[in-house]
Amino acid sequence: QVQLLESGGESVQAGGSLTLSCEVSGYTYSLYCMGWFRQAPGEEREGVATIDTVGTASYADPFKGRFTISKDNAKNTLQLQMNSLEPEATAMYYCAVDPRYLIPCRYDRARDDFRYWGQGTQVTVSS
């Protein structure tokens, strides 16, 4: 059973930075696509960024240039570096992974195309 555990969410001032981490355990095969989603109160869960097994990253337009997704294969972790945070970034952030490689690994990959999810970590940005 694949398990994901996010950490790093906290309250910060606008303009600040945060790094979210997601520890992945319990898998015995390659996880093709790994990604970060976020869900603000009253909003749909939306894709932020994804990264595939060879390190190709994909970002939703609002996050390009400010957010960086990365993975550490040795430590089985996925990270999201977030800079220049704005109050609009306040949301629950989730990591998700999936082994299926026939579905493109892009930020707009459907939520249903991610088989495993973490419980989320809260990010709050105050003005």
C-alpha atoms as a PDB file:
ATOM      1  CA  GLN A   1       0.000   0.000   0.000  1.00  0.00           C
ATOM      2  CA  VAL A   2       1.464   3.328  -1.067  1.00  0.00           C
ATOM      3  CA  GLN A   3       1.398   5.992   1.613  1.00  0.00           C
ATOM      4  CA  LEU A   4       2.089   9.698   1.285  1.00  0.00           C
ATOM      5  CA  LEU A   5       2.794  12.079   4.125  1.00  0.00           C
ATOM      6  CA  GLU A   6       2.975  15.818   3.490  1.00  0.00           C
ATOM      7  CA  SER A   7       4.711  18.307   5.744  1.00  0.00           C
ATOM      8  CA  GLY A   8       5.953  21.867   5.708  1.00  0.00           C
ATOM      9  CA  GLY A   9       2.712  23.782   5.617  1.00  0.00           C
ATOM     10  CA  GLU A  10       2.469  26.740   7.966  1.00  0.00           C
ATOM     11  CA  SER A  11       1.397  30.368   8.265  1.00  0.00           C
ATOM     12  CA  VAL A  12       3.618  32.934   6.550  1.00  0.00           C
ATOM     13  CA  GLN A  13       3.528  36.571   5.578  1.00  0.00           C
ATOM     14  CA  ALA A  14       2.919  37.609   1.985  1.00  0.00           C
ATOM     15  CA  GLY A  15       6.150  37.633   0.047  1.00  0.00           C
ATOM     16  CA  GLY A  16       7.561  34.786   2.065  1.00  0.00           C
ATOM     17  CA  SER A  17       8.634  31.313   1.010  1.00  0.00           C
ATOM     18  CA  LEU A  18       7.815  27.768   2.025  1.00  0.00           C
ATOM     19  CA  THR A  19       9.003  24.320   1.055  1.00  0.00           C
ATOM     20  CA  LEU A  20       6.504  21.498   1.216  1.00  0.00           C
ATOM     21  CA  SER A  21       7.656  17.894   1.410  1.00  0.00           C
ATOM     22  CA  CYS A  22       5.909  14.630   0.694  1.00  0.00           C
ATOM     23  CA  GLU A  23       7.375  11.369   1.935  1.00  0.00           C
ATOM     24  CA  VAL A  24       6.367   8.395  -0.172  1.00  0.00           C
ATOM     25  CA  SER A  25       6.506   4.862   1.220  1.00  0.00           C
ATOM     26  CA  GLY A  26       5.208   1.387   0.537  1.00  0.00           C
ATOM     27  CA  TYR A  27       5.768   1.190  -3.204  1.00  0.00           C
ATOM     28  CA  THR A  28       7.733  -1.501  -5.000  1.00  0.00           C
ATOM     29  CA  TYR A  29       7.497  -0.166  -8.523  1.00  0.00           C
ATOM     30  CA  SER A  30       8.219   3.012 -10.353  1.00  0.00           C
ATOM     31  CA  LEU A  31       5.810   5.844  -9.675  1.00  0.00           C
ATOM     32  CA  TYR A  32       5.646   7.534 -13.055  1.00  0.00           C
ATOM     33  CA  CYS A  33       3.918  10.751 -12.147  1.00  0.00           C
ATOM     34  CA  MET A  34       4.135  12.733  -8.927  1.00  0.00           C
ATOM     35  CA  GLY A  35       2.385  16.001  -8.332  1.00  0.00           C
ATOM     36  CA  TRP A  36       1.094  18.720  -6.068  1.00  0.00           C
ATOM     37  CA  PHE A  37      -2.484  19.903  -5.953  1.00  0.00           C
ATOM     38  CA  ARG A  38      -4.117  22.547  -3.842  1.00  0.00           C
ATOM     39  CA  GLN A  39      -7.625  23.271  -2.662  1.00  0.00           C
ATOM     40  CA  ALA A  40      -8.726  26.608  -1.294  1.00  0.00           C
ATOM     41  CA  PRO A  41     -11.896  26.906   0.773  1.00  0.00           C
ATOM     42  CA  GLY A  42     -14.932  26.651  -1.450  1.00  0.00           C
ATOM     43  CA  GLU A  43     -12.833  25.888  -4.501  1.00  0.00           C
ATOM     44  CA  GLU A  44     -12.121  22.809  -6.578  1.00  0.00           C
ATOM     45  CA  ARG A  45      -8.867  20.967  -6.084  1.00  0.00           C
ATOM     46  CA  GLU A  46      -6.478  22.159  -8.784  1.00  0.00           C
ATOM     47  CA  GLY A  47      -3.178  20.947 -10.127  1.00  0.00           C
ATOM     48  CA  VAL A  48      -0.113  22.985  -9.253  1.00  0.00           C
ATOM     49  CA  ALA A  49       2.811  21.043 -10.698  1.00  0.00           C
ATOM     50  CA  THR A  50       3.891  17.550 -11.684  1.00  0.00           C
ATOM     51  CA  ILE A  51       7.171  15.755 -12.261  1.00  0.00           C
ATOM     52  CA  ASP A  52       7.782  12.451 -14.003  1.00  0.00           C
ATOM     53  CA  THR A  53      10.381   9.751 -13.530  1.00  0.00           C
ATOM     54  CA  VAL A  54      12.986  11.486 -15.684  1.00  0.00           C
ATOM     55  CA  GLY A  55      12.491  14.807 -13.923  1.00  0.00           C
ATOM     56  CA  THR A  56      10.386  16.613 -16.487  1.00  0.00           C
ATOM     57  CA  ALA A  57       8.299  19.200 -14.646  1.00  0.00           C
ATOM     58  CA  SER A  58       5.031  20.803 -15.627  1.00  0.00           C
ATOM     59  CA  TYR A  59       3.476  23.850 -13.958  1.00  0.00           C
ATOM     60  CA  ALA A  60       0.116  25.540 -14.075  1.00  0.00           C
ATOM     61  CA  ASP A  61       0.546  29.064 -15.426  1.00  0.00           C
ATOM     62  CA  PRO A  62      -0.077  30.935 -12.131  1.00  0.00           C
ATOM     63  CA  PHE A  63       2.868  29.156 -10.495  1.00  0.00           C
ATOM     64  CA  LYS A  64       5.487  29.269 -13.213  1.00  0.00           C
ATOM     65  CA  GLY A  65       8.592  31.076 -12.091  1.00  0.00           C
ATOM     66  CA  ARG A  66       7.619  31.104  -8.410  1.00  0.00           C
ATOM     67  CA  PHE A  67       7.113  27.437  -7.555  1.00  0.00           C
ATOM     68  CA  THR A  68       9.595  24.635  -8.144  1.00  0.00           C
ATOM     69  CA  ILE A  69       8.770  20.935  -7.944  1.00  0.00           C
ATOM     70  CA  SER A  70      11.547  18.441  -7.322  1.00  0.00           C
ATOM     71  CA  LYS A  71      12.065  14.896  -6.138  1.00  0.00           C
ATOM     72  CA  ASP A  72      14.749  13.034  -4.286  1.00  0.00           C
ATOM     73  CA  ASN A  73      14.735   9.432  -5.399  1.00  0.00           C
ATOM     74  CA  ALA A  74      17.182   8.382  -2.690  1.00  0.00           C
ATOM     75  CA  LYS A  75      14.969   9.767   0.072  1.00  0.00           C
ATOM     76  CA  ASN A  76      11.664   8.934  -1.644  1.00  0.00           C
ATOM     77  CA  THR A  77      10.450  12.486  -1.236  1.00  0.00           C
ATOM     78  CA  LEU A  78       8.679  15.031  -3.389  1.00  0.00           C
ATOM     79  CA  GLN A  79       9.074  18.727  -2.688  1.00  0.00           C
ATOM     80  CA  LEU A  80       7.460  21.982  -3.685  1.00  0.00           C
ATOM     81  CA  GLN A  81       9.453  25.178  -3.197  1.00  0.00           C
ATOM     82  CA  MET A  82       7.108  28.154  -3.122  1.00  0.00           C
ATOM     83  CA  ASN A  83       8.431  31.708  -3.360  1.00  0.00           C
ATOM     84  CA  SER A  84       6.818  35.150  -3.365  1.00  0.00           C
ATOM     85  CA  LEU A  85       3.709  33.781  -1.723  1.00  0.00           C
ATOM     86  CA  GLU A  86       0.509  35.765  -1.937  1.00  0.00           C
ATOM     87  CA  PRO A  87      -2.629  35.500   0.231  1.00  0.00           C
ATOM     88  CA  GLU A  88      -4.322  33.787  -2.734  1.00  0.00           C
ATOM     89  CA  ALA A  89      -1.971  30.846  -2.150  1.00  0.00           C
ATOM     90  CA  THR A  90      -3.805  30.006   1.066  1.00  0.00           C
ATOM     91  CA  ALA A  91      -5.047  26.449   0.626  1.00  0.00           C
ATOM     92  CA  MET A  92      -4.612  22.838   1.620  1.00  0.00           C
ATOM     93  CA  TYR A  93      -1.801  21.354  -0.447  1.00  0.00           C
ATOM     94  CA  TYR A  94      -1.853  17.689  -1.402  1.00  0.00           C
ATOM     95  CA  CYS A  95       0.716  15.453  -2.995  1.00  0.00           C
ATOM     96  CA  ALA A  96      -0.370  12.664  -5.290  1.00  0.00           C
ATOM     97  CA  VAL A  97       1.375   9.891  -7.191  1.00  0.00           C
ATOM     98  CA  ASP A  98       0.467   7.370  -9.866  1.00  0.00           C
ATOM     99  CA  PRO A  99       2.321   4.563 -11.659  1.00  0.00           C
ATOM    100  CA  ARG A 100       0.492   4.753 -14.989  1.00  0.00           C
ATOM    101  CA  TYR A 101       2.754   6.054 -17.734  1.00  0.00           C
ATOM    102  CA  LEU A 102       0.243   6.031 -20.612  1.00  0.00           C
ATOM    103  CA  ILE A 103      -1.388   9.146 -19.168  1.00  0.00           C
ATOM    104  CA  PRO A 104       0.767  12.259 -19.704  1.00  0.00           C
ATOM    105  CA  CYS A 105       2.318  13.607 -16.542  1.00  0.00           C
ATOM    106  CA  ARG A 106       1.241  17.244 -16.674  1.00  0.00           C
ATOM    107  CA  TYR A 107      -0.143  19.728 -14.200  1.00  0.00           C
ATOM    108  CA  ASP A 108      -3.593  19.307 -15.792  1.00  0.00           C
ATOM    109  CA  ARG A 109      -3.645  15.520 -15.387  1.00  0.00           C
ATOM    110  CA  ALA A 110      -7.040  14.694 -13.919  1.00  0.00           C
ATOM    111  CA  ARG A 111      -7.393  14.070 -10.207  1.00  0.00           C
ATOM    112  CA  ASP A 112      -8.877  10.663 -10.950  1.00  0.00           C
ATOM    113  CA  ASP A 113      -5.658   9.799 -12.773  1.00  0.00           C
ATOM    114  CA  PHE A 114      -3.716   9.949  -9.529  1.00  0.00           C
ATOM    115  CA  ARG A 115      -4.220   6.752  -7.597  1.00  0.00           C
ATOM    116  CA  TYR A 116      -2.577   7.686  -4.294  1.00  0.00           C
ATOM    117  CA  TRP A 117      -3.053  10.828  -2.233  1.00  0.00           C
ATOM    118  CA  GLY A 118      -1.734  12.321   0.966  1.00  0.00           C
ATOM    119  CA  GLN A 119      -3.859  13.924   3.651  1.00  0.00           C
ATOM    120  CA  GLY A 120      -2.695  17.432   2.886  1.00  0.00           C
ATOM    121  CA  THR A 121      -0.768  20.197   4.594  1.00  0.00           C
ATOM    122  CA  GLN A 122      -2.218  23.642   5.245  1.00  0.00           C
ATOM    123  CA  VAL A 123      -0.574  26.772   3.884  1.00  0.00           C
ATOM    124  CA  THR A 124      -1.841  30.132   5.095  1.00  0.00           C
ATOM    125  CA  VAL A 125      -0.493  33.378   3.688  1.00  0.00           C
ATOM    126  CA  SER A 126      -1.408  36.592   5.456  1.00  0.00           C
ATOM    127  CA  SER A 127      -1.173  40.086   4.022  1.00  0.00           C
END
